[in-house]
Amino acid sequence: MKKWIVAVVVVIVWLGSLYFAYGFGSLFATFQPQLSDAARTAMSVLVMLPGGPAARPCDVDDPTTCGFADTGGRQEVACDAFAGDDPDRAVLFAFGQSNSANAARDRYVPVHEIVNFNPHDGRCYRAEDPLLGPDGFAGAVWGRVADELVHAGLYRQVLIAPIGIGGTELARWTPGGDLHARVEATADMLAGLGIRPTHVVWHQGESDVFAGTSTEDYVSQFSALAASLGTFDIDAPIFPAVATRCYFREGLEVEYADSAERIRAAQKRLPGQIPNVFPGPDTDTISGDRFRPDGCHFTAKGIAAQARLWVEALQAATTM
């Protein structure tokens, strides 16, 4: 009898770990091979539980230490394959606020050759959520975007270099802002390995809605950020998303409607006003409980929908 009880408890804990690590959406996602990956990494669920390893809090004295950095159970791979220029390989330099930073409800494990550059130790690992680098410790869109890029035949391998921090305004990422050090430090590490980003992907704007940032200030600040990338020898095309939706409480969407429109107007203006900036996806079009149960962050279905928009945006730029 005791053995039977223990077996039941083990099964319940195992099933619970799968849910917490990946969510129901991921378990029944389109890519069936993901199930075997989920089983392989289910034991890493402890990062989601109280007392488990989590993301390092952001220390304003050294913002480069922010983010998820636990490499336990991760498979290290060589970064060398991404050095130099190779049309079969893409390097995504990804940042912004929470929706760029491991804040999705459901985790995802890529099924193709997707690599995660860890800005905390300058090494490369097989990508899986939570991605090493950002400050969240749940799911992210970038692994799914990378998979879709490979699935579409655009690339054979993709490296993701993610450094997003949740709840941040654009001004903090610009030269003089406290988080600009993260951009500089990661760019320097990549350059030291001979790795050049092929795409800069930016998902941010929600915090500037609540801060009341004007259209002109947002455009000016983003222009400064874009220009600073050139000083790090990053000449990759930059793709800012149109992203303002983050409404945890009923009524906020109405209360901040004008501010959201100002930020949306700024984000839509960026490609036509700043050199080397191209239209990113309009992720505000993804809404509803199935996609954003908390009114802000995405489920597996939301991530899948967002990834398709990202791939369309990146692909459109190559044909312009």
C-alpha atoms as a PDB file:
ATOM      1  CA  MET A   1       0.000   0.000   0.000  1.00  0.00           C
ATOM      2  CA  LYS A   2       2.771   2.406   0.929  1.00  0.00           C
ATOM      3  CA  LYS A   3       4.553   1.778  -2.385  1.00  0.00           C
ATOM      4  CA  TRP A   4       1.296   2.521  -4.241  1.00  0.00           C
ATOM      5  CA  ILE A   5       0.885   5.814  -2.404  1.00  0.00           C
ATOM      6  CA  VAL A   6       4.475   6.785  -3.139  1.00  0.00           C
ATOM      7  CA  ALA A   7       3.983   5.952  -6.833  1.00  0.00           C
ATOM      8  CA  VAL A   8       0.853   8.124  -7.012  1.00  0.00           C
ATOM      9  CA  VAL A   9       2.628  11.016  -5.328  1.00  0.00           C
ATOM     10  CA  VAL A  10       5.583  10.712  -7.714  1.00  0.00           C
ATOM     11  CA  VAL A  11       3.261  10.741 -10.742  1.00  0.00           C
ATOM     12  CA  ILE A  12       1.347  13.762  -9.430  1.00  0.00           C
ATOM     13  CA  VAL A  13       4.573  15.645  -8.722  1.00  0.00           C
ATOM     14  CA  TRP A  14       5.938  14.750 -12.163  1.00  0.00           C
ATOM     15  CA  LEU A  15       2.772  15.898 -13.948  1.00  0.00           C
ATOM     16  CA  GLY A  16       2.738  19.041 -11.857  1.00  0.00           C
ATOM     17  CA  SER A  17       6.348  19.726 -12.786  1.00  0.00           C
ATOM     18  CA  LEU A  18       5.484  19.471 -16.469  1.00  0.00           C
ATOM     19  CA  TYR A  19       2.675  21.967 -16.040  1.00  0.00           C
ATOM     20  CA  PHE A  20       4.727  24.462 -14.045  1.00  0.00           C
ATOM     21  CA  ALA A  21       7.689  24.145 -16.400  1.00  0.00           C
ATOM     22  CA  TYR A  22       5.761  24.368 -19.670  1.00  0.00           C
ATOM     23  CA  GLY A  23       2.052  24.963 -19.075  1.00  0.00           C
ATOM     24  CA  PHE A  24      -0.777  23.046 -20.730  1.00  0.00           C
ATOM     25  CA  GLY A  25      -0.375  25.124 -23.877  1.00  0.00           C
ATOM     26  CA  SER A  26       3.158  23.926 -24.448  1.00  0.00           C
ATOM     27  CA  LEU A  27       2.341  20.293 -23.699  1.00  0.00           C
ATOM     28  CA  PHE A  28      -0.181  20.292 -26.497  1.00  0.00           C
ATOM     29  CA  ALA A  29       1.690  22.639 -28.818  1.00  0.00           C
ATOM     30  CA  THR A  30       2.034  22.129 -32.526  1.00  0.00           C
ATOM     31  CA  PHE A  31       5.540  20.686 -32.378  1.00  0.00           C
ATOM     32  CA  GLN A  32       5.106  17.205 -30.956  1.00  0.00           C
ATOM     33  CA  PRO A  33       8.869  16.671 -30.430  1.00  0.00           C
ATOM     34  CA  GLN A  34       8.593  19.295 -27.715  1.00  0.00           C
ATOM     35  CA  LEU A  35       7.031  16.673 -25.472  1.00  0.00           C
ATOM     36  CA  SER A  36      10.240  14.679 -25.266  1.00  0.00           C
ATOM     37  CA  ASP A  37      12.182  17.847 -24.489  1.00  0.00           C
ATOM     38  CA  ALA A  38       9.661  18.670 -21.785  1.00  0.00           C
ATOM     39  CA  ALA A  39      10.207  15.290 -20.178  1.00  0.00           C
ATOM     40  CA  ARG A  40      13.970  15.728 -20.408  1.00  0.00           C
ATOM     41  CA  THR A  41      13.994  19.011 -18.538  1.00  0.00           C
ATOM     42  CA  ALA A  42      10.957  18.619 -16.285  1.00  0.00           C
ATOM     43  CA  MET A  43      13.149  18.258 -13.212  1.00  0.00           C
ATOM     44  CA  SER A  44      14.337  21.835 -13.683  1.00  0.00           C
ATOM     45  CA  VAL A  45      10.904  22.939 -12.471  1.00  0.00           C
ATOM     46  CA  LEU A  46      12.445  23.831  -9.120  1.00  0.00           C
ATOM     47  CA  VAL A  47      13.366  27.236 -10.524  1.00  0.00           C
ATOM     48  CA  MET A  48       9.638  28.029 -10.484  1.00  0.00           C
ATOM     49  CA  LEU A  49       9.107  27.071  -6.849  1.00  0.00           C
ATOM     50  CA  PRO A  50       9.706  29.167  -3.712  1.00  0.00           C
ATOM     51  CA  GLY A  51      13.271  28.770  -2.546  1.00  0.00           C
ATOM     52  CA  GLY A  52      14.552  27.609  -5.934  1.00  0.00           C
ATOM     53  CA  PRO A  53      17.148  29.483  -7.994  1.00  0.00           C
ATOM     54  CA  ALA A  54      15.632  32.512  -9.665  1.00  0.00           C
ATOM     55  CA  ALA A  55      16.646  35.609 -11.556  1.00  0.00           C
ATOM     56  CA  ARG A  56      19.131  37.924  -9.892  1.00  0.00           C
ATOM     57  CA  PRO A  57      17.515  41.215  -8.853  1.00  0.00           C
ATOM     58  CA  CYS A  58      18.687  44.305 -10.700  1.00  0.00           C
ATOM     59  CA  ASP A  59      21.413  46.093  -8.781  1.00  0.00           C
ATOM     60  CA  VAL A  60      21.613  49.681 -10.019  1.00  0.00           C
ATOM     61  CA  ASP A  61      25.325  49.721  -9.143  1.00  0.00           C
ATOM     62  CA  ASP A  62      25.974  46.843 -11.551  1.00  0.00           C
ATOM     63  CA  PRO A  63      23.005  46.211 -13.863  1.00  0.00           C
ATOM     64  CA  THR A  64      25.019  43.680 -15.863  1.00  0.00           C
ATOM     65  CA  THR A  65      24.402  41.159 -13.059  1.00  0.00           C
ATOM     66  CA  CYS A  66      20.606  41.265 -13.441  1.00  0.00           C
ATOM     67  CA  GLY A  67      18.799  38.261 -14.808  1.00  0.00           C
ATOM     68  CA  PHE A  68      18.457  34.508 -14.846  1.00  0.00           C
ATOM     69  CA  ALA A  69      21.881  32.903 -14.698  1.00  0.00           C
ATOM     70  CA  ASP A  70      21.414  29.345 -13.440  1.00  0.00           C
ATOM     71  CA  THR A  71      23.187  27.030 -15.882  1.00  0.00           C
ATOM     72  CA  GLY A  72      22.466  23.897 -13.864  1.00  0.00           C
ATOM     73  CA  GLY A  73      21.290  21.144 -16.187  1.00  0.00           C
ATOM     74  CA  ARG A  74      22.024  23.211 -19.293  1.00  0.00           C
ATOM     75  CA  GLN A  75      23.935  21.736 -22.217  1.00  0.00           C
ATOM     76  CA  GLU A  76      26.894  23.946 -23.104  1.00  0.00           C
ATOM     77  CA  VAL A  77      27.736  24.219 -26.790  1.00  0.00           C
ATOM     78  CA  ALA A  78      30.516  25.980 -28.676  1.00  0.00           C
ATOM     79  CA  CYS A  79      29.914  29.600 -29.673  1.00  0.00           C
ATOM     80  CA  ASP A  80      32.405  29.269 -32.542  1.00  0.00           C
ATOM     81  CA  ALA A  81      29.805  28.326 -35.139  1.00  0.00           C
ATOM     82  CA  PHE A  82      28.355  31.838 -34.965  1.00  0.00           C
ATOM     83  CA  ALA A  83      31.645  33.688 -35.408  1.00  0.00           C
ATOM     84  CA  GLY A  84      32.022  35.512 -38.697  1.00  0.00           C
ATOM     85  CA  ASP A  85      29.393  35.968 -41.371  1.00  0.00           C
ATOM     86  CA  ASP A  86      27.353  32.955 -42.397  1.00  0.00           C
ATOM     87  CA  PRO A  87      24.038  33.383 -44.257  1.00  0.00           C
ATOM     88  CA  ASP A  88      22.792  30.118 -42.738  1.00  0.00           C
ATOM     89  CA  ARG A  89      23.076  31.444 -39.185  1.00  0.00           C
ATOM     90  CA  ALA A  90      21.220  34.258 -37.445  1.00  0.00           C
ATOM     91  CA  VAL A  91      22.104  36.085 -34.223  1.00  0.00           C
ATOM     92  CA  LEU A  92      19.196  37.787 -32.444  1.00  0.00           C
ATOM     93  CA  PHE A  93      20.159  40.526 -29.971  1.00  0.00           C
ATOM     94  CA  ALA A  94      16.912  40.679 -27.978  1.00  0.00           C
ATOM     95  CA  PHE A  95      15.878  43.074 -25.247  1.00  0.00           C
ATOM     96  CA  GLY A  96      13.203  45.398 -23.876  1.00  0.00           C
ATOM     97  CA  GLN A  97      10.900  44.835 -20.915  1.00  0.00           C
ATOM     98  CA  SER A  98       9.031  41.830 -19.501  1.00  0.00           C
ATOM     99  CA  ASN A  99       7.506  40.517 -22.722  1.00  0.00           C
ATOM    100  CA  SER A 100      11.079  40.203 -24.012  1.00  0.00           C
ATOM    101  CA  ALA A 101      12.314  38.802 -20.718  1.00  0.00           C
ATOM    102  CA  ASN A 102      11.012  35.365 -19.687  1.00  0.00           C
ATOM    103  CA  ALA A 103       7.617  36.604 -18.499  1.00  0.00           C
ATOM    104  CA  ALA A 104       5.323  34.362 -20.579  1.00  0.00           C
ATOM    105  CA  ARG A 105       3.156  31.928 -18.624  1.00  0.00           C
ATOM    106  CA  ASP A 106       4.330  28.856 -20.528  1.00  0.00           C
ATOM    107  CA  ARG A 107       7.874  27.731 -21.183  1.00  0.00           C
ATOM    108  CA  TYR A 108       9.144  26.516 -24.524  1.00  0.00           C
ATOM    109  CA  VAL A 109      12.003  24.258 -25.635  1.00  0.00           C
ATOM    110  CA  PRO A 110      13.123  24.759 -29.256  1.00  0.00           C
ATOM    111  CA  VAL A 111      13.193  21.713 -31.490  1.00  0.00           C
ATOM    112  CA  HIS A 112      15.866  22.988 -33.893  1.00  0.00           C
ATOM    113  CA  GLU A 113      19.510  23.983 -33.366  1.00  0.00           C
ATOM    114  CA  ILE A 114      18.841  27.060 -31.264  1.00  0.00           C
ATOM    115  CA  VAL A 115      21.556  28.431 -28.996  1.00  0.00           C
ATOM    116  CA  ASN A 116      21.341  30.812 -26.025  1.00  0.00           C
ATOM    117  CA  PHE A 117      24.279  33.175 -25.446  1.00  0.00           C
ATOM    118  CA  ASN A 118      24.546  33.740 -21.701  1.00  0.00           C
ATOM    119  CA  PRO A 119      25.645  37.327 -20.976  1.00  0.00           C
ATOM    120  CA  HIS A 120      26.498  36.330 -17.398  1.00  0.00           C
ATOM    121  CA  ASP A 121      29.389  34.054 -18.304  1.00  0.00           C
ATOM    122  CA  GLY A 122      29.984  34.699 -22.019  1.00  0.00           C
ATOM    123  CA  ARG A 123      29.232  31.081 -22.934  1.00  0.00           C
ATOM    124  CA  CYS A 124      26.681  29.409 -25.190  1.00  0.00           C
ATOM    125  CA  TYR A 125      24.077  26.818 -24.211  1.00  0.00           C
ATOM    126  CA  ARG A 126      21.332  24.864 -25.904  1.00  0.00           C
ATOM    127  CA  ALA A 127      18.344  27.209 -25.701  1.00  0.00           C
ATOM    128  CA  GLU A 128      15.411  26.444 -23.447  1.00  0.00           C
ATOM    129  CA  ASP A 129      13.172  28.565 -21.263  1.00  0.00           C
ATOM    130  CA  PRO A 130      13.867  30.370 -19.086  1.00  0.00           C
ATOM    131  CA  LEU A 131      16.510  31.886 -21.320  1.00  0.00           C
ATOM    132  CA  LEU A 132      19.783  32.806 -19.667  1.00  0.00           C
ATOM    133  CA  GLY A 133      20.164  36.572 -19.456  1.00  0.00           C
ATOM    134  CA  PRO A 134      16.768  38.259 -18.933  1.00  0.00           C
ATOM    135  CA  ASP A 135      15.406  38.822 -15.446  1.00  0.00           C
ATOM    136  CA  GLY A 136      12.299  36.628 -15.680  1.00  0.00           C
ATOM    137  CA  PHE A 137      12.307  32.882 -15.075  1.00  0.00           C
ATOM    138  CA  ALA A 138       9.314  31.598 -17.045  1.00  0.00           C
ATOM    139  CA  GLY A 139       8.748  31.566 -20.832  1.00  0.00           C
ATOM    140  CA  ALA A 140       9.976  33.730 -23.703  1.00  0.00           C
ATOM    141  CA  VAL A 141       9.058  34.309 -27.329  1.00  0.00           C
ATOM    142  CA  TRP A 142      12.585  34.163 -28.745  1.00  0.00           C
ATOM    143  CA  GLY A 143      13.030  30.390 -28.787  1.00  0.00           C
ATOM    144  CA  ARG A 144       9.806  30.038 -30.726  1.00  0.00           C
ATOM    145  CA  VAL A 145      10.842  32.826 -33.123  1.00  0.00           C
ATOM    146  CA  ALA A 146      14.161  31.076 -33.725  1.00  0.00           C
ATOM    147  CA  ASP A 147      12.411  27.757 -34.364  1.00  0.00           C
ATOM    148  CA  GLU A 148      10.041  29.402 -36.833  1.00  0.00           C
ATOM    149  CA  LEU A 149      12.957  31.027 -38.676  1.00  0.00           C
ATOM    150  CA  VAL A 150      14.603  27.634 -39.118  1.00  0.00           C
ATOM    151  CA  HIS A 151      11.312  25.925 -39.949  1.00  0.00           C
ATOM    152  CA  ALA A 152      10.711  28.521 -42.684  1.00  0.00           C
ATOM    153  CA  GLY A 153      14.075  27.650 -44.213  1.00  0.00           C
ATOM    154  CA  LEU A 154      15.549  31.101 -43.585  1.00  0.00           C
ATOM    155  CA  TYR A 155      18.378  29.857 -41.353  1.00  0.00           C
ATOM    156  CA  ARG A 156      19.884  26.569 -40.218  1.00  0.00           C
ATOM    157  CA  GLN A 157      20.924  27.739 -36.760  1.00  0.00           C
ATOM    158  CA  VAL A 158      19.962  30.695 -34.576  1.00  0.00           C
ATOM    159  CA  LEU A 159      21.729  32.192 -31.582  1.00  0.00           C
ATOM    160  CA  ILE A 160      19.726  34.291 -29.114  1.00  0.00           C
ATOM    161  CA  ALA A 161      21.475  36.916 -26.971  1.00  0.00           C
ATOM    162  CA  PRO A 162      18.694  38.129 -24.608  1.00  0.00           C
ATOM    163  CA  ILE A 163      19.126  40.832 -21.955  1.00  0.00           C
ATOM    164  CA  GLY A 164      15.604  42.206 -21.298  1.00  0.00           C
ATOM    165  CA  ILE A 165      14.501  43.495 -17.884  1.00  0.00           C
ATOM    166  CA  GLY A 166      10.845  43.647 -16.869  1.00  0.00           C
ATOM    167  CA  GLY A 167       9.054  46.905 -16.062  1.00  0.00           C
ATOM    168  CA  THR A 168      11.658  49.147 -17.691  1.00  0.00           C
ATOM    169  CA  GLU A 169      11.165  52.406 -19.544  1.00  0.00           C
ATOM    170  CA  LEU A 170      13.044  53.127 -22.756  1.00  0.00           C
ATOM    171  CA  ALA A 171      15.084  55.930 -21.145  1.00  0.00           C
ATOM    172  CA  ARG A 172      16.868  53.394 -18.931  1.00  0.00           C
ATOM    173  CA  TRP A 173      18.297  51.642 -22.009  1.00  0.00           C
ATOM    174  CA  THR A 174      19.616  54.778 -23.703  1.00  0.00           C
ATOM    175  CA  PRO A 175      23.154  56.159 -23.252  1.00  0.00           C
ATOM    176  CA  GLY A 176      23.240  57.577 -19.738  1.00  0.00           C
ATOM    177  CA  GLY A 177      20.528  55.196 -18.545  1.00  0.00           C
ATOM    178  CA  ASP A 178      21.445  52.577 -15.964  1.00  0.00           C
ATOM    179  CA  LEU A 179      20.624  49.606 -18.237  1.00  0.00           C
ATOM    180  CA  HIS A 180      22.712  50.776 -21.159  1.00  0.00           C
ATOM    181  CA  ALA A 181      25.622  49.022 -19.472  1.00  0.00           C
ATOM    182  CA  ARG A 182      23.887  45.717 -20.250  1.00  0.00           C
ATOM    183  CA  VAL A 183      23.822  46.583 -23.943  1.00  0.00           C
ATOM    184  CA  GLU A 184      27.480  47.587 -23.935  1.00  0.00           C
ATOM    185  CA  ALA A 185      28.692  44.600 -21.899  1.00  0.00           C
ATOM    186  CA  THR A 186      26.852  42.045 -24.044  1.00  0.00           C
ATOM    187  CA  ALA A 187      27.931  43.712 -27.280  1.00  0.00           C
ATOM    188  CA  ASP A 188      31.547  43.642 -26.102  1.00  0.00           C
ATOM    189  CA  MET A 189      31.362  39.944 -25.174  1.00  0.00           C
ATOM    190  CA  LEU A 190      29.862  39.029 -28.532  1.00  0.00           C
ATOM    191  CA  ALA A 191      32.474  41.078 -30.371  1.00  0.00           C
ATOM    192  CA  GLY A 192      35.229  39.370 -28.394  1.00  0.00           C
ATOM    193  CA  LEU A 193      33.970  36.043 -29.736  1.00  0.00           C
ATOM    194  CA  GLY A 194      33.743  37.368 -33.274  1.00  0.00           C
ATOM    195  CA  ILE A 195      29.944  37.184 -33.185  1.00  0.00           C
ATOM    196  CA  ARG A 196      27.974  39.940 -34.913  1.00  0.00           C
ATOM    197  CA  PRO A 197      24.218  40.278 -34.377  1.00  0.00           C
ATOM    198  CA  THR A 198      22.201  39.873 -37.565  1.00  0.00           C
ATOM    199  CA  HIS A 199      18.994  41.276 -36.033  1.00  0.00           C
ATOM    200  CA  VAL A 200      18.256  43.553 -33.080  1.00  0.00           C
ATOM    201  CA  VAL A 201      14.756  42.778 -31.773  1.00  0.00           C
ATOM    202  CA  TRP A 202      13.117  45.148 -29.289  1.00  0.00           C
ATOM    203  CA  HIS A 203       9.850  44.573 -27.400  1.00  0.00           C
ATOM    204  CA  GLN A 204       9.086  47.436 -25.038  1.00  0.00           C
ATOM    205  CA  GLY A 205       6.697  50.338 -24.573  1.00  0.00           C
ATOM    206  CA  GLU A 206       4.232  49.271 -21.907  1.00  0.00           C
ATOM    207  CA  SER A 207       6.054  51.080 -19.103  1.00  0.00           C
ATOM    208  CA  ASP A 208       6.272  54.266 -21.146  1.00  0.00           C
ATOM    209  CA  VAL A 209       2.493  54.174 -21.510  1.00  0.00           C
ATOM    210  CA  PHE A 210       2.129  54.353 -17.728  1.00  0.00           C
ATOM    211  CA  ALA A 211       4.938  56.890 -17.449  1.00  0.00           C
ATOM    212  CA  GLY A 212       3.175  59.214 -19.914  1.00  0.00           C
ATOM    213  CA  THR A 213       6.157  59.474 -22.258  1.00  0.00           C
ATOM    214  CA  SER A 214       5.416  61.685 -25.230  1.00  0.00           C
ATOM    215  CA  THR A 215       5.649  60.554 -28.840  1.00  0.00           C
ATOM    216  CA  GLU A 216       8.550  62.912 -29.488  1.00  0.00           C
ATOM    217  CA  ASP A 217      10.501  61.817 -26.410  1.00  0.00           C
ATOM    218  CA  TYR A 218      10.083  58.135 -27.247  1.00  0.00           C
ATOM    219  CA  VAL A 219      11.321  58.667 -30.813  1.00  0.00           C
ATOM    220  CA  SER A 220      14.258  60.756 -29.573  1.00  0.00           C
ATOM    221  CA  GLN A 221      15.242  58.196 -26.945  1.00  0.00           C
ATOM    222  CA  PHE A 222      15.022  55.285 -29.362  1.00  0.00           C
ATOM    223  CA  SER A 223      17.094  57.214 -31.872  1.00  0.00           C
ATOM    224  CA  ALA A 224      19.810  57.598 -29.234  1.00  0.00           C
ATOM    225  CA  LEU A 225      19.682  53.888 -28.430  1.00  0.00           C
ATOM    226  CA  ALA A 226      19.875  52.922 -32.102  1.00  0.00           C
ATOM    227  CA  ALA A 227      22.812  55.258 -32.680  1.00  0.00           C
ATOM    228  CA  SER A 228      24.664  53.815 -29.703  1.00  0.00           C
ATOM    229  CA  LEU A 229      24.580  50.332 -31.238  1.00  0.00           C
ATOM    230  CA  GLY A 230      26.770  51.625 -34.042  1.00  0.00           C
ATOM    231  CA  THR A 231      29.445  52.578 -31.514  1.00  0.00           C
ATOM    232  CA  PHE A 232      29.598  48.884 -30.564  1.00  0.00           C
ATOM    233  CA  ASP A 233      30.063  47.950 -34.241  1.00  0.00           C
ATOM    234  CA  ILE A 234      26.516  46.569 -34.444  1.00  0.00           C
ATOM    235  CA  ASP A 235      25.087  47.415 -37.845  1.00  0.00           C
ATOM    236  CA  ALA A 236      22.293  44.835 -37.865  1.00  0.00           C
ATOM    237  CA  PRO A 237      18.773  45.967 -38.772  1.00  0.00           C
ATOM    238  CA  ILE A 238      16.712  46.981 -35.748  1.00  0.00           C
ATOM    239  CA  PHE A 239      13.122  45.795 -35.333  1.00  0.00           C
ATOM    240  CA  PRO A 240      11.047  47.572 -32.667  1.00  0.00           C
ATOM    241  CA  ALA A 241       7.682  45.996 -31.929  1.00  0.00           C
ATOM    242  CA  VAL A 242       4.539  48.055 -31.557  1.00  0.00           C
ATOM    243  CA  ALA A 243       3.868  47.129 -27.938  1.00  0.00           C
ATOM    244  CA  THR A 244       1.786  49.033 -25.404  1.00  0.00           C
ATOM    245  CA  ARG A 245      -0.718  46.506 -24.022  1.00  0.00           C
ATOM    246  CA  CYS A 246      -0.260  45.603 -20.347  1.00  0.00           C
ATOM    247  CA  TYR A 247      -3.506  46.018 -18.420  1.00  0.00           C
ATOM    248  CA  PHE A 248      -3.701  43.955 -15.239  1.00  0.00           C
ATOM    249  CA  ARG A 249      -6.785  45.727 -13.915  1.00  0.00           C
ATOM    250  CA  GLU A 250     -10.125  46.398 -15.573  1.00  0.00           C
ATOM    251  CA  GLY A 251     -10.421  49.980 -16.739  1.00  0.00           C
ATOM    252  CA  LEU A 252      -6.715  50.620 -17.289  1.00  0.00           C
ATOM    253  CA  GLU A 253      -7.074  50.223 -21.039  1.00  0.00           C
ATOM    254  CA  VAL A 254      -9.527  53.118 -21.093  1.00  0.00           C
ATOM    255  CA  GLU A 255      -7.618  55.164 -18.530  1.00  0.00           C
ATOM    256  CA  TYR A 256      -4.375  54.984 -20.523  1.00  0.00           C
ATOM    257  CA  ALA A 257      -5.840  54.945 -24.027  1.00  0.00           C
ATOM    258  CA  ASP A 258      -4.404  58.331 -25.021  1.00  0.00           C
ATOM    259  CA  SER A 259      -0.965  57.518 -23.653  1.00  0.00           C
ATOM    260  CA  ALA A 260      -0.972  54.170 -25.448  1.00  0.00           C
ATOM    261  CA  GLU A 261      -1.794  55.857 -28.744  1.00  0.00           C
ATOM    262  CA  ARG A 262       1.109  58.259 -28.255  1.00  0.00           C
ATOM    263  CA  ILE A 263       3.547  55.384 -27.786  1.00  0.00           C
ATOM    264  CA  ARG A 264       2.038  53.419 -30.669  1.00  0.00           C
ATOM    265  CA  ALA A 265       2.426  56.497 -32.875  1.00  0.00           C
ATOM    266  CA  ALA A 266       6.077  56.759 -31.834  1.00  0.00           C
ATOM    267  CA  GLN A 267       6.807  53.085 -32.479  1.00  0.00           C
ATOM    268  CA  LYS A 268       5.197  53.255 -35.916  1.00  0.00           C
ATOM    269  CA  ARG A 269       7.226  56.350 -36.743  1.00  0.00           C
ATOM    270  CA  LEU A 270      10.614  54.796 -35.891  1.00  0.00           C
ATOM    271  CA  PRO A 271      11.185  52.864 -39.155  1.00  0.00           C
ATOM    272  CA  GLY A 272      10.626  55.903 -41.326  1.00  0.00           C
ATOM    273  CA  GLN A 273      12.612  58.301 -39.187  1.00  0.00           C
ATOM    274  CA  ILE A 274      15.684  56.402 -37.940  1.00  0.00           C
ATOM    275  CA  PRO A 275      18.228  54.793 -40.278  1.00  0.00           C
ATOM    276  CA  ASN A 276      18.472  50.993 -40.227  1.00  0.00           C
ATOM    277  CA  VAL A 277      15.192  50.605 -38.316  1.00  0.00           C
ATOM    278  CA  PHE A 278      12.508  48.363 -39.802  1.00  0.00           C
ATOM    279  CA  PRO A 279       8.913  47.654 -38.750  1.00  0.00           C
ATOM    280  CA  GLY A 280       8.563  45.025 -36.062  1.00  0.00           C
ATOM    281  CA  PRO A 281       5.316  43.202 -35.291  1.00  0.00           C
ATOM    282  CA  ASP A 282       2.268  44.882 -33.817  1.00  0.00           C
ATOM    283  CA  THR A 283       1.887  42.630 -30.790  1.00  0.00           C
ATOM    284  CA  ASP A 284      -0.961  44.771 -29.445  1.00  0.00           C
ATOM    285  CA  THR A 285      -3.146  42.920 -31.954  1.00  0.00           C
ATOM    286  CA  ILE A 286      -2.765  39.790 -29.793  1.00  0.00           C
ATOM    287  CA  SER A 287      -5.268  40.107 -26.962  1.00  0.00           C
ATOM    288  CA  GLY A 288      -7.853  38.132 -25.017  1.00  0.00           C
ATOM    289  CA  ASP A 289      -7.669  35.621 -22.170  1.00  0.00           C
ATOM    290  CA  ARG A 290      -6.463  32.774 -24.388  1.00  0.00           C
ATOM    291  CA  PHE A 291      -3.388  34.788 -25.307  1.00  0.00           C
ATOM    292  CA  ARG A 292      -2.870  37.096 -22.304  1.00  0.00           C
ATOM    293  CA  PRO A 293      -4.636  35.751 -19.201  1.00  0.00           C
ATOM    294  CA  ASP A 294      -3.320  38.569 -17.012  1.00  0.00           C
ATOM    295  CA  GLY A 295      -3.931  41.232 -19.665  1.00  0.00           C
ATOM    296  CA  CYS A 296      -0.222  41.640 -20.284  1.00  0.00           C
ATOM    297  CA  HIS A 297       1.894  38.492 -20.608  1.00  0.00           C
ATOM    298  CA  PHE A 298       1.482  35.656 -23.060  1.00  0.00           C
ATOM    299  CA  THR A 299       0.419  32.014 -22.929  1.00  0.00           C
ATOM    300  CA  ALA A 300       1.862  29.376 -25.258  1.00  0.00           C
ATOM    301  CA  LYS A 301      -0.825  30.309 -27.796  1.00  0.00           C
ATOM    302  CA  GLY A 302       0.061  33.968 -27.427  1.00  0.00           C
ATOM    303  CA  ILE A 303       3.750  33.204 -27.872  1.00  0.00           C
ATOM    304  CA  ALA A 304       2.999  31.184 -31.015  1.00  0.00           C
ATOM    305  CA  ALA A 305       0.932  34.043 -32.448  1.00  0.00           C
ATOM    306  CA  GLN A 306       3.603  36.590 -31.546  1.00  0.00           C
ATOM    307  CA  ALA A 307       6.379  34.441 -33.046  1.00  0.00           C
ATOM    308  CA  ARG A 308       4.550  34.277 -36.368  1.00  0.00           C
ATOM    309  CA  LEU A 309       4.327  38.083 -36.428  1.00  0.00           C
ATOM    310  CA  TRP A 310       8.017  38.403 -35.629  1.00  0.00           C
ATOM    311  CA  VAL A 311       9.021  36.039 -38.421  1.00  0.00           C
ATOM    312  CA  GLU A 312       6.794  37.896 -40.883  1.00  0.00           C
ATOM    313  CA  ALA A 313       8.437  41.188 -39.893  1.00  0.00           C
ATOM    314  CA  LEU A 314      11.991  39.831 -40.170  1.00  0.00           C
ATOM    315  CA  GLN A 315      11.236  38.117 -43.449  1.00  0.00           C
ATOM    316  CA  ALA A 316       9.605  41.226 -44.923  1.00  0.00           C
ATOM    317  CA  ALA A 317      12.761  43.244 -44.263  1.00  0.00           C
ATOM    318  CA  THR A 318      14.876  40.828 -46.320  1.00  0.00           C
ATOM    319  CA  THR A 319      12.690  41.441 -49.382  1.00  0.00           C
ATOM    320  CA  MET A 320      12.660  45.248 -49.137  1.00  0.00           C
END
